Amino acid sequence: MSQINPSTEPFLLPGSRIGCLLIHGFTGSPKEMRGMGEYLNQRGYSCLGIRLHGHATEPEDMLRSRWNDWTASVEDGFHQLSGITDRIYLIGLSMGGALALLMSTRLDVSGVIAMATPHQLPTDYPIWLLRLYGRFVRFSKKAGGIPGNSWRDKAAYVDHFSYPQNPILAVAELKLLLNEMQAQLQSVHVPVLLMHSHDDNYVLPENMEQIYAGLINASDKTKIYITESSHVVTRDAAQNQVFESALNFIRSIENQKITVRELE
């Protein structure tokens, strides 16, 4: 049985009755969300960083993952965090952002923060073709140029963990997930904060604009562009801006709830 790689374990940081469920990206691990979890926990929030099915062990494990395994991972985390909190915010990076948006239509959450989130794959290959190709070629090189070249904080890149290649069969599942997210964007009713780096050459910034346009029924929606960061905005040089923006978003919603209770 595959073992979780050291430093990539799920984490629980207990705090107040307001919870943050942190969801990592495709081929990533809870490690890429831990700094954000620690930041929010130090400001009082209970934070749970989950491990998505097939991640943080070895790439072969992702070949057996299906997109609804990843939604189940989020749902499991939500119910675990519900045991110690009254309200929960879903916070996701990349594919984790897509999961956060989609699962906000299935779970009782107070808001969503989606960072560097894809609206669609860079090349729109048919799912049947990806599945057929994946039977013969298990892994493909990641797009975006030389690995680590876009990172501003090189030390953070050296310490970063993700699978070095994309499992082709899992890419087909990612496309199915994104198709489902696209179909459900109009059903998102909670407040949403979108963040994306201008310099992201892995998931291009226009993806944020497409998601923003699809959120036609969100009670509130905000988009923020980050500079001086790679795709992994939670770990690169601009992480403090990302963390502060997330904190301000959550605080603004919580302050509105307090105001409403005072008026009642």
Foldseek 3Di string as FASTA:
>chain_A
DFDADPQQAKDKQDFAQEEEEEEEAAQFGLNLCVLLQVLVVVVGHIYIYFGQFQHRTANVRLLPDALVSRLVRVVVSVVVSNVRHDAYEYEYAALSQLSRLLCLLVDPHQEYEYELYALAAPDDDDLVVLVVVLVPPQWDAADDPDQPPLFLPSVLSVVGDGHRTHGSNSVSNSRVSSVSSLVCLCSAAHEYEYEYECSERRRHPVRSVSSVVSNPRHVHYYYDYDYNGYSSCCRGDNNVVVSVVVVVVVVVSVVVVVVVVVVD
